[in-house]
Amino acid sequence: MDELIKENQLLKEKISELEDKLKKYTNGDNHKNYYTKNKDKVIEKSSNYLKKLKEENPDKIREYAKRAYEKRKEKLKQEKEILNI
């Protein structure tokens, strides 16, 4: 029984340690800082990507637009359900 308790405690410590490491990558402000500092570069890259995609594969843009529309529609539906409840 003592072995299980010790193993459980070790695993809990390891989980907390891994969660701390994960926070470094997920909750940091580094990604926000990058986009604020390099806003023009990011916008330029994305517009170039869309232009390239429009020439090479216009069906992909339609797919993206459709997916975005479906997500917006689903989000509005969920908000209405929340308000009705």
C-alpha atoms as a PDB file:
ATOM      1  CA  MET A   1       0.000   0.000   0.000  1.00  0.00           C
ATOM      2  CA  ASP A   2       2.879   2.329   0.807  1.00  0.00           C
ATOM      3  CA  GLU A   3       4.341   1.670  -2.623  1.00  0.00           C
ATOM      4  CA  LEU A   4       1.147   2.799  -4.327  1.00  0.00           C
ATOM      5  CA  ILE A   5       1.017   5.968  -2.258  1.00  0.00           C
ATOM      6  CA  LYS A   6       4.643   6.762  -3.075  1.00  0.00           C
ATOM      7  CA  GLU A   7       4.109   6.058  -6.766  1.00  0.00           C
ATOM      8  CA  ASN A   8       0.988   8.202  -6.772  1.00  0.00           C
ATOM      9  CA  GLN A   9       2.878  11.067  -5.130  1.00  0.00           C
ATOM     10  CA  LEU A  10       5.731  10.776  -7.641  1.00  0.00           C
ATOM     11  CA  LEU A  11       3.305  10.851 -10.533  1.00  0.00           C
ATOM     12  CA  LYS A  12       1.532  13.905  -9.136  1.00  0.00           C
ATOM     13  CA  GLU A  13       4.872  15.704  -8.830  1.00  0.00           C
ATOM     14  CA  LYS A  14       5.781  14.754 -12.386  1.00  0.00           C
ATOM     15  CA  ILE A  15       2.421  15.988 -13.673  1.00  0.00           C
ATOM     16  CA  SER A  16       2.824  19.336 -11.931  1.00  0.00           C
ATOM     17  CA  GLU A  17       6.363  19.643 -13.301  1.00  0.00           C
ATOM     18  CA  LEU A  18       5.193  18.915 -16.839  1.00  0.00           C
ATOM     19  CA  GLU A  19       2.305  21.360 -16.515  1.00  0.00           C
ATOM     20  CA  ASP A  20       4.762  24.071 -15.496  1.00  0.00           C
ATOM     21  CA  LYS A  21       6.868  23.343 -18.572  1.00  0.00           C
ATOM     22  CA  LEU A  22       3.789  23.406 -20.768  1.00  0.00           C
ATOM     23  CA  LYS A  23       2.736  26.815 -19.449  1.00  0.00           C
ATOM     24  CA  LYS A  24       5.942  28.220 -20.869  1.00  0.00           C
ATOM     25  CA  TYR A  25       4.732  27.451 -24.370  1.00  0.00           C
ATOM     26  CA  THR A  26       0.992  27.966 -24.073  1.00  0.00           C
ATOM     27  CA  ASN A  27       0.365  30.824 -21.672  1.00  0.00           C
ATOM     28  CA  GLY A  28       3.365  32.996 -22.396  1.00  0.00           C
ATOM     29  CA  ASP A  29       3.130  36.454 -23.874  1.00  0.00           C
ATOM     30  CA  ASN A  30       5.928  35.746 -26.326  1.00  0.00           C
ATOM     31  CA  HIS A  31       3.574  34.950 -29.189  1.00  0.00           C
ATOM     32  CA  LYS A  32       1.634  38.171 -28.570  1.00  0.00           C
ATOM     33  CA  ASN A  33       4.844  40.163 -28.471  1.00  0.00           C
ATOM     34  CA  TYR A  34       5.999  38.613 -31.730  1.00  0.00           C
ATOM     35  CA  TYR A  35       2.808  39.578 -33.558  1.00  0.00           C
ATOM     36  CA  THR A  36       2.800  43.108 -32.186  1.00  0.00           C
ATOM     37  CA  LYS A  37       6.431  43.655 -33.161  1.00  0.00           C
ATOM     38  CA  ASN A  38       6.151  41.991 -36.576  1.00  0.00           C
ATOM     39  CA  LYS A  39       2.591  42.896 -37.491  1.00  0.00           C
ATOM     40  CA  ASP A  40       3.491  44.129 -40.974  1.00  0.00           C
ATOM     41  CA  LYS A  41       5.514  41.017 -41.783  1.00  0.00           C
ATOM     42  CA  VAL A  42       2.738  38.706 -40.635  1.00  0.00           C
ATOM     43  CA  ILE A  43       0.101  40.544 -42.666  1.00  0.00           C
ATOM     44  CA  GLU A  44       2.348  40.551 -45.736  1.00  0.00           C
ATOM     45  CA  LYS A  45       3.100  36.822 -45.436  1.00  0.00           C
ATOM     46  CA  SER A  46      -0.569  35.949 -45.046  1.00  0.00           C
ATOM     47  CA  SER A  47      -1.621  38.079 -48.019  1.00  0.00           C
ATOM     48  CA  ASN A  48       1.141  36.538 -50.164  1.00  0.00           C
ATOM     49  CA  TYR A  49      -0.010  33.081 -49.099  1.00  0.00           C
ATOM     50  CA  LEU A  50      -3.605  33.847 -50.068  1.00  0.00           C
ATOM     51  CA  LYS A  51      -2.548  35.263 -53.456  1.00  0.00           C
ATOM     52  CA  LYS A  52      -0.452  32.166 -54.138  1.00  0.00           C
ATOM     53  CA  LEU A  53      -3.279  29.905 -53.022  1.00  0.00           C
ATOM     54  CA  LYS A  54      -5.779  31.765 -55.180  1.00  0.00           C
ATOM     55  CA  GLU A  55      -3.644  31.106 -58.256  1.00  0.00           C
ATOM     56  CA  GLU A  56      -2.755  27.507 -57.494  1.00  0.00           C
ATOM     57  CA  ASN A  57      -5.818  26.095 -55.770  1.00  0.00           C
ATOM     58  CA  PRO A  58      -8.968  28.250 -55.660  1.00  0.00           C
ATOM     59  CA  ASP A  59     -11.009  25.333 -54.305  1.00  0.00           C
ATOM     60  CA  LYS A  60      -9.009  25.514 -51.092  1.00  0.00           C
ATOM     61  CA  ILE A  61     -10.118  29.127 -50.543  1.00  0.00           C
ATOM     62  CA  ARG A  62     -13.747  28.079 -51.021  1.00  0.00           C
ATOM     63  CA  GLU A  63     -13.196  25.313 -48.492  1.00  0.00           C
ATOM     64  CA  TYR A  64     -11.705  27.785 -45.979  1.00  0.00           C
ATOM     65  CA  ALA A  65     -14.595  30.210 -46.484  1.00  0.00           C
ATOM     66  CA  LYS A  66     -17.153  27.442 -46.061  1.00  0.00           C
ATOM     67  CA  ARG A  67     -15.513  26.192 -42.873  1.00  0.00           C
ATOM     68  CA  ALA A  68     -15.365  29.727 -41.458  1.00  0.00           C
ATOM     69  CA  TYR A  69     -19.045  30.254 -42.305  1.00  0.00           C
ATOM     70  CA  GLU A  70     -20.028  26.988 -40.626  1.00  0.00           C
ATOM     71  CA  LYS A  71     -18.058  27.870 -37.494  1.00  0.00           C
ATOM     72  CA  ARG A  72     -19.659  31.333 -37.316  1.00  0.00           C
ATOM     73  CA  LYS A  73     -23.093  29.784 -37.764  1.00  0.00           C
ATOM     74  CA  GLU A  74     -22.429  27.198 -35.053  1.00  0.00           C
ATOM     75  CA  LYS A  75     -21.124  29.856 -32.678  1.00  0.00           C
ATOM     76  CA  LEU A  76     -24.225  32.009 -33.171  1.00  0.00           C
ATOM     77  CA  LYS A  77     -26.422  28.966 -32.604  1.00  0.00           C
ATOM     78  CA  GLN A  78     -24.622  28.192 -29.322  1.00  0.00           C
ATOM     79  CA  GLU A  79     -24.958  31.809 -28.169  1.00  0.00           C
ATOM     80  CA  LYS A  80     -28.686  31.733 -28.870  1.00  0.00           C
ATOM     81  CA  GLU A  81     -29.041  28.498 -26.909  1.00  0.00           C
ATOM     82  CA  ILE A  82     -27.183  30.017 -23.972  1.00  0.00           C
ATOM     83  CA  LEU A  83     -29.430  33.073 -23.996  1.00  0.00           C
ATOM     84  CA  ASN A  84     -32.584  30.936 -24.191  1.00  0.00           C
ATOM     85  CA  ILE A  85     -31.576  28.776 -21.253  1.00  0.00           C
END
